Amino acid sequence: MTEPTRDRPRQVTLAGWLLMIGSGLVVVLVYQRVAGLHSLETQAAVDRFLSEPPGSDLGLSSDAVITLMRTLAMVTGGCAAAAAILGYQVLQRSRAARLVVTVLAVPLFFAGLVTGGFLTSVVAASATILWLQPARSWFDGTTAPERRTASAPSASPVPPASSAPLAPTAAMPPVAQPAIHAATPPPAGGPAPRPRIVVLACVLTWVCTAATIVALVASAVVLAISPDEMLDQVHRDSPELAQQGISDDLLIAATYLLIAGVVIWCLSAAVLAVLVLRRVDWARIVLIVSAVTAAALCLLGTVMGAILLVLPLLASVLCAALLVRPEARQWFARRDAL
């Protein structure tokens, strides 16, 4: 039985580095784009777009276009930050990372049009390379099929060096046979000790998700009891909402929907942390992606003035950094080798 090659193909190495570098540059561009959304240059460009077809046929105001651009930028930044981490995991031969980065490449490509589209196209092309040969065989642990070439004329068989018959040897008595299998030491058994960094990452996940859920539930209760305070604050921050026909009932429904979505996200992260403690490698990859996405969104929120998001930002970065350390990767790799 032949052992599959362990050498990483050059295509995988190139794709992994393009994922990390390209996604990192996309995050930088998103940061610059969000910081300059309210500049005079951006406002003039939006007004120029809305004054001519097809922009004039959309029926949107300049504030609505800027809000849409901010949303697309946040989606692009979150997907790019996750793809940068997954690019490193791809180089470690993680099939789960290859699958997740391929899924993220789709919204990253379309939402990345807000940053120009070139770098996001590079990231999407890099994810596609991971499914071609010989990368596909490397991830599957098999030998890549050889390319068909013109068959060379077969050489004449070389005669053996000596055709003389070998002298018969006396049979060794059964007592003298060495006990090869008995001398072979048995494989070491027992589960490997769980690294402390994995436990710390899971505890950070549970603490942050619990605190976020409590804060969101409290906000939902306050909104149900006295919605006027929240509506007054929203109208003070965005007075153009009333002109766009967005009613107060729609704002309240959207807020409840947002709270429910984030609560489901937090519960999913908590479940992933449980699976990580149970040594499930794909759960570690997905939890890293979740933490990096949360860190990117918190970073964009901090840039826009939400200073309280600094704490979950630091916790998300620390959680992702702990789960990508060599001790954590080796612990999960030993599970797969059993």
Protein backbone atom coordinates (compact mmCIF):
# COMPACT_ATOMS: atom_id res chain seq x y z
CA MET A 1 0.00 0.00 0.00
CA THR A 2 1.63 3.24 -1.12
CA GLU A 3 1.75 6.19 1.23
CA PRO A 4 0.28 9.42 -0.21
CA THR A 5 2.67 12.25 -0.76
CA ARG A 6 3.02 14.75 2.05
CA ASP A 7 4.62 17.54 0.02
CA ARG A 8 2.36 20.56 -0.32
CA PRO A 9 1.76 21.47 -3.97
CA ARG A 10 3.00 24.84 -5.09
CA GLN A 11 -0.53 25.77 -6.17
CA VAL A 12 -1.78 25.34 -2.59
CA THR A 13 1.08 27.41 -1.18
CA LEU A 14 0.40 30.19 -3.69
CA ALA A 15 -3.35 30.11 -3.03
CA GLY A 16 -2.88 30.16 0.76
CA TRP A 17 -0.56 33.17 0.69
CA LEU A 18 -2.81 35.00 -1.77
CA LEU A 19 -5.74 34.38 0.58
CA MET A 20 -3.88 35.80 3.58
CA ILE A 21 -2.26 38.79 1.85
CA GLY A 22 -5.20 39.65 -0.37
CA SER A 23 -7.74 39.41 2.46
CA GLY A 24 -5.53 41.52 4.72
CA LEU A 25 -5.33 44.25 2.08
CA VAL A 26 -9.12 44.09 1.65
CA VAL A 27 -9.55 44.72 5.40
CA VAL A 28 -7.28 47.78 5.13
CA LEU A 29 -9.23 49.11 2.15
CA VAL A 30 -12.53 48.56 3.95
CA TYR A 31 -11.23 50.49 6.96
CA GLN A 32 -10.24 53.40 4.73
CA ARG A 33 -13.55 53.30 2.87
CA VAL A 34 -15.65 53.33 6.05
CA ALA A 35 -13.56 56.16 7.50
CA GLY A 36 -14.13 58.26 4.36
CA LEU A 37 -17.83 57.64 3.78
CA HIS A 38 -18.81 61.03 5.18
CA SER A 39 -16.15 62.99 3.34
CA LEU A 40 -17.03 65.68 0.82
CA GLU A 41 -15.48 63.65 -2.00
CA THR A 42 -17.67 60.63 -1.29
CA GLN A 43 -20.78 62.79 -0.94
CA ALA A 44 -20.06 64.44 -4.28
CA ALA A 45 -19.53 61.06 -5.95
CA VAL A 46 -22.82 59.74 -4.56
CA ASP A 47 -24.71 62.86 -5.66
CA ARG A 48 -23.18 62.55 -9.12
CA PHE A 49 -24.24 58.88 -9.31
CA LEU A 50 -27.83 59.70 -8.26
CA SER A 51 -28.16 62.57 -10.72
CA GLU A 52 -27.65 60.37 -13.79
CA PRO A 53 -29.15 57.05 -14.96
CA PRO A 54 -29.18 54.37 -13.71
CA GLY A 55 -28.72 55.94 -10.29
CA SER A 56 -31.54 58.42 -10.79
CA ASP A 57 -33.98 55.55 -11.45
CA LEU A 58 -33.34 53.87 -8.11
CA GLY A 59 -35.31 56.37 -6.03
CA LEU A 60 -32.71 56.41 -3.24
CA SER A 61 -31.35 59.32 -1.29
CA SER A 62 -27.66 59.98 -0.79
CA ASP A 63 -27.91 58.92 2.88
CA ALA A 64 -29.47 55.60 1.87
CA VAL A 65 -26.67 54.96 -0.62
CA ILE A 66 -24.03 55.73 2.01
CA THR A 67 -25.77 53.39 4.47
CA LEU A 68 -25.78 50.66 1.83
CA MET A 69 -22.09 51.23 1.14
CA ARG A 70 -21.32 51.01 4.87
CA THR A 71 -23.24 47.72 5.14
CA LEU A 72 -21.44 46.22 2.15
CA ALA A 73 -18.11 47.38 3.55
CA MET A 74 -18.80 45.72 6.91
CA VAL A 75 -19.78 42.46 5.20
CA THR A 76 -16.65 42.62 3.05
CA GLY A 77 -14.43 43.34 6.04
CA GLY A 78 -15.86 40.48 8.08
CA CYS A 79 -15.53 37.96 5.25
CA ALA A 80 -12.01 39.15 4.41
CA ALA A 81 -10.83 38.89 8.01
CA ALA A 82 -12.17 35.34 8.22
CA ALA A 83 -10.60 34.42 4.86
CA ALA A 84 -7.19 35.65 6.05
CA ILE A 85 -7.30 33.27 9.03
CA LEU A 86 -8.59 30.43 6.87
CA GLY A 87 -5.74 30.95 4.40
CA TYR A 88 -3.31 29.93 7.14
CA GLN A 89 -5.46 26.91 8.02
CA VAL A 90 -5.49 25.90 4.34
CA LEU A 91 -1.70 25.66 4.41
CA GLN A 92 -2.09 23.25 7.34
CA ARG A 93 -4.12 20.89 5.11
CA SER A 94 -7.49 21.65 6.70
CA ARG A 95 -10.34 20.48 4.49
CA ALA A 96 -12.87 22.35 6.65
CA ALA A 97 -10.96 25.61 6.09
CA ARG A 98 -10.99 25.01 2.33
CA LEU A 99 -14.76 24.51 2.37
CA VAL A 100 -15.49 27.56 4.56
CA VAL A 101 -13.20 29.90 2.60
CA THR A 102 -14.90 28.79 -0.63
CA VAL A 103 -18.31 29.63 0.83
CA LEU A 104 -17.04 33.03 2.04
CA ALA A 105 -15.55 33.81 -1.38
CA VAL A 106 -19.03 34.24 -2.90
CA PRO A 107 -20.31 37.12 -0.68
CA LEU A 108 -16.77 38.51 -0.52
CA PHE A 109 -16.63 38.78 -4.31
CA PHE A 110 -20.00 40.54 -4.71
CA ALA A 111 -19.86 42.71 -1.58
CA GLY A 112 -16.25 43.60 -2.37
CA LEU A 113 -17.34 45.73 -5.30
CA VAL A 114 -17.48 48.58 -2.78
CA THR A 115 -13.66 48.42 -2.56
CA GLY A 116 -13.07 48.12 -6.29
CA GLY A 117 -13.42 44.38 -6.74
CA PHE A 118 -9.84 43.54 -7.82
CA LEU A 119 -8.51 42.16 -4.53
CA THR A 120 -11.73 40.30 -3.77
CA SER A 121 -11.52 38.70 -7.22
CA VAL A 122 -8.00 37.52 -6.36
CA VAL A 123 -9.28 35.97 -3.12
CA ALA A 124 -12.14 34.23 -4.94
CA ALA A 125 -9.76 32.88 -7.60
CA SER A 126 -7.41 31.60 -4.89
CA ALA A 127 -10.27 29.68 -3.28
CA THR A 128 -11.07 28.13 -6.66
CA ILE A 129 -7.48 26.91 -7.09
CA LEU A 130 -7.84 24.81 -3.94
CA TRP A 131 -10.35 22.54 -5.73
CA LEU A 132 -8.16 21.85 -8.77
CA GLN A 133 -5.49 19.19 -9.20
CA PRO A 134 -3.05 18.53 -7.60
CA ALA A 135 -4.50 20.51 -4.67
CA ARG A 136 -7.64 18.36 -4.52
CA SER A 137 -5.63 15.13 -4.20
CA TRP A 138 -3.38 16.69 -1.54
CA PHE A 139 -6.36 17.59 0.63
CA ASP A 140 -7.84 14.11 0.10
CA GLY A 141 -4.58 12.45 1.10
CA THR A 142 -4.15 10.66 -2.23
CA THR A 143 -1.62 10.79 -5.02
CA ALA A 144 -2.49 13.14 -7.87
CA PRO A 145 -3.14 11.36 -11.18
CA GLU A 146 -0.28 11.58 -13.65
CA ARG A 147 -0.72 13.57 -16.81
CA ARG A 148 -1.14 11.58 -19.99
CA THR A 149 1.94 11.81 -22.18
CA ALA A 150 3.08 10.07 -25.32
CA SER A 151 4.27 6.60 -24.42
CA ALA A 152 7.98 6.03 -25.03
CA PRO A 153 9.10 2.82 -26.79
CA SER A 154 9.59 0.12 -24.21
CA ALA A 155 13.16 -1.03 -23.70
CA SER A 156 14.09 -4.65 -23.97
CA PRO A 157 14.07 -6.44 -20.65
CA VAL A 158 17.46 -6.70 -18.98
CA PRO A 159 18.45 -10.31 -18.31
CA PRO A 160 19.29 -11.18 -14.74
CA ALA A 161 22.93 -10.89 -13.73
CA SER A 162 23.23 -14.54 -12.93
CA SER A 163 20.98 -17.42 -13.82
CA ALA A 164 22.76 -19.96 -11.64
CA PRO A 165 20.46 -21.69 -9.19
CA LEU A 166 20.87 -20.82 -5.56
CA ALA A 167 22.17 -23.44 -3.23
CA PRO A 168 19.50 -24.94 -1.03
CA THR A 169 19.62 -23.87 2.57
CA ALA A 170 18.66 -25.89 5.57
CA ALA A 171 15.33 -25.02 7.08
CA MET A 172 15.58 -23.25 10.41
CA PRO A 173 13.83 -25.08 13.20
CA PRO A 174 10.69 -23.40 14.54
CA VAL A 175 12.29 -22.81 17.94
CA ALA A 176 14.97 -20.57 16.41
CA GLN A 177 12.44 -18.27 14.71
CA PRO A 178 12.60 -14.78 16.32
CA ALA A 179 9.36 -13.52 17.81
CA ILE A 180 9.18 -10.31 15.82
CA HIS A 181 5.63 -9.38 16.68
CA ALA A 182 6.12 -10.07 20.35
CA ALA A 183 9.11 -7.71 20.49
CA THR A 184 7.16 -4.85 18.88
CA PRO A 185 6.12 -2.36 21.59
CA PRO A 186 2.39 -1.65 21.69
CA PRO A 187 1.21 1.83 20.67
CA ALA A 188 0.74 4.33 23.44
CA GLY A 189 -2.88 4.63 24.46
CA GLY A 190 -4.99 7.05 26.41
CA PRO A 191 -6.28 10.48 25.46
CA ALA A 192 -3.81 13.34 25.18
CA PRO A 193 -4.14 16.08 27.82
CA ARG A 194 -6.26 19.03 26.73
CA PRO A 195 -4.15 22.21 26.28
CA ARG A 196 -4.96 25.07 28.61
CA ILE A 197 -5.14 27.52 25.73
CA VAL A 198 -8.06 25.56 24.25
CA VAL A 199 -9.89 25.69 27.58
CA LEU A 200 -9.18 29.44 27.87
CA ALA A 201 -10.52 30.08 24.36
CA CYS A 202 -13.73 28.20 25.15
CA VAL A 203 -14.17 30.03 28.47
CA LEU A 204 -13.70 33.38 26.70
CA THR A 205 -16.33 32.34 24.17
CA TRP A 206 -18.84 31.41 26.86
CA VAL A 207 -18.26 34.58 28.89
CA CYS A 208 -18.56 36.90 25.88
CA THR A 209 -21.60 35.16 24.43
CA ALA A 210 -23.36 35.10 27.82
CA ALA A 211 -22.66 38.81 28.40
CA THR A 212 -23.83 39.67 24.88
CA ILE A 213 -27.03 37.66 25.23
CA VAL A 214 -27.83 39.30 28.59
CA ALA A 215 -27.23 42.77 27.15
CA LEU A 216 -29.36 42.07 24.07
CA VAL A 217 -32.22 40.58 26.07
CA ALA A 218 -32.13 43.59 28.39
CA SER A 219 -32.23 45.90 25.36
CA ALA A 220 -35.21 44.00 23.99
CA VAL A 221 -37.03 44.35 27.32
CA VAL A 222 -36.32 48.08 27.44
CA LEU A 223 -37.50 48.44 23.86
CA ALA A 224 -40.73 46.60 24.67
CA ILE A 225 -41.40 48.74 27.76
CA SER A 226 -40.46 52.19 26.41
CA PRO A 227 -39.83 52.22 22.66
CA ASP A 228 -40.11 56.02 22.43
CA GLU A 229 -36.62 56.58 23.86
CA MET A 230 -34.99 54.34 21.27
CA LEU A 231 -37.02 55.85 18.43
CA ASP A 232 -36.16 59.41 19.48
CA GLN A 233 -32.46 58.52 19.53
CA VAL A 234 -32.64 56.90 16.10
CA HIS A 235 -34.45 59.88 14.60
CA ARG A 236 -31.88 62.25 16.10
CA ASP A 237 -29.01 60.24 14.60
CA SER A 238 -30.69 59.63 11.22
CA PRO A 239 -33.38 62.24 10.51
CA GLU A 240 -33.59 61.14 6.87
CA LEU A 241 -35.33 57.86 7.80
CA ALA A 242 -38.73 59.52 8.03
CA GLN A 243 -38.25 61.06 4.57
CA GLN A 244 -37.49 57.62 3.12
CA GLY A 245 -40.82 56.25 4.35
CA ILE A 246 -39.38 54.03 7.10
CA SER A 247 -42.00 53.85 9.83
CA ASP A 248 -41.43 53.38 13.54
CA ASP A 249 -43.03 49.95 13.45
CA LEU A 250 -40.55 48.86 10.77
CA LEU A 251 -37.65 50.15 12.88
CA ILE A 252 -38.85 48.23 15.94
CA ALA A 253 -39.33 45.04 13.92
CA ALA A 254 -35.87 45.38 12.37
CA THR A 255 -34.35 45.89 15.82
CA TYR A 256 -36.01 42.77 17.19
CA LEU A 257 -34.86 40.82 14.15
CA LEU A 258 -31.30 42.04 14.62
CA ILE A 259 -31.34 41.10 18.30
CA ALA A 260 -32.66 37.62 17.49
CA GLY A 261 -29.98 37.09 14.85
CA VAL A 262 -27.13 38.06 17.15
CA VAL A 263 -28.53 35.90 19.98
CA ILE A 264 -28.65 32.89 17.63
CA TRP A 265 -25.08 33.64 16.58
CA CYS A 266 -23.96 33.74 20.23
CA LEU A 267 -25.73 30.46 21.04
CA SER A 268 -24.10 28.83 18.02
CA ALA A 269 -20.66 30.03 19.16
CA ALA A 270 -21.27 28.61 22.63
CA VAL A 271 -22.20 25.22 21.13
CA LEU A 272 -19.08 25.33 18.95
CA ALA A 273 -16.97 25.89 22.08
CA VAL A 274 -18.44 22.72 23.59
CA LEU A 275 -17.52 20.78 20.45
CA VAL A 276 -14.02 22.25 20.56
CA LEU A 277 -13.56 20.85 24.06
CA ARG A 278 -14.68 17.50 22.65
CA ARG A 279 -11.78 17.73 20.17
CA VAL A 280 -13.81 18.32 16.99
CA ASP A 281 -11.47 20.02 14.53
CA TRP A 282 -14.09 21.46 12.16
CA ALA A 283 -15.73 23.17 15.17
CA ARG A 284 -12.38 24.83 15.94
CA ILE A 285 -12.17 26.16 12.38
CA VAL A 286 -15.73 27.49 12.43
CA LEU A 287 -15.22 29.06 15.87
CA ILE A 288 -12.08 30.82 14.59
CA VAL A 289 -14.07 32.18 11.64
CA SER A 290 -16.83 33.32 13.98
CA ALA A 291 -14.36 35.05 16.31
CA VAL A 292 -12.55 36.80 13.46
CA THR A 293 -15.84 37.96 11.94
CA ALA A 294 -16.99 39.30 15.30
CA ALA A 295 -13.65 41.07 15.73
CA ALA A 296 -13.95 42.71 12.31
CA LEU A 297 -17.49 43.92 13.01
CA CYS A 298 -16.48 45.21 16.45
CA LEU A 299 -13.53 47.03 14.88
CA LEU A 300 -15.79 48.76 12.36
CA GLY A 301 -18.23 49.63 15.15
CA THR A 302 -15.40 51.08 17.23
CA VAL A 303 -14.30 53.21 14.28
CA MET A 304 -17.84 54.57 14.02
CA GLY A 305 -17.83 55.59 17.70
CA ALA A 306 -19.05 52.55 19.68
CA ILE A 307 -16.23 52.50 22.25
CA LEU A 308 -17.84 49.72 24.30
CA LEU A 309 -17.13 47.27 21.48
CA VAL A 310 -13.41 47.38 22.34
CA LEU A 311 -13.85 44.66 24.99
CA PRO A 312 -15.52 42.07 22.70
CA LEU A 313 -13.01 43.04 20.02
CA LEU A 314 -10.06 42.11 22.25
CA ALA A 315 -11.78 38.93 23.46
CA SER A 316 -12.51 37.78 19.89
CA VAL A 317 -8.95 38.42 18.75
CA LEU A 318 -7.56 36.55 21.78
CA CYS A 319 -9.89 33.58 21.22
CA ALA A 320 -8.88 33.24 17.56
CA ALA A 321 -5.19 33.64 18.41
CA LEU A 322 -5.34 30.89 21.04
CA LEU A 323 -7.05 28.39 18.73
CA VAL A 324 -4.46 28.82 15.95
CA ARG A 325 -1.45 28.27 18.22
CA PRO A 326 0.70 25.17 17.47
CA GLU A 327 -0.30 23.46 20.75
CA ALA A 328 -3.97 23.59 19.82
CA ARG A 329 -3.37 22.44 16.24
CA GLN A 330 -1.23 19.50 17.35
CA TRP A 331 -3.85 18.40 19.89
CA PHE A 332 -6.54 18.22 17.21
CA ALA A 333 -4.11 16.66 14.70
CA ARG A 334 -3.36 13.80 17.10
CA ARG A 335 -7.10 13.11 17.30
CA ASP A 336 -7.29 12.81 13.52
CA ALA A 337 -4.25 10.51 13.45
CA LEU A 338 -5.81 7.98 15.82
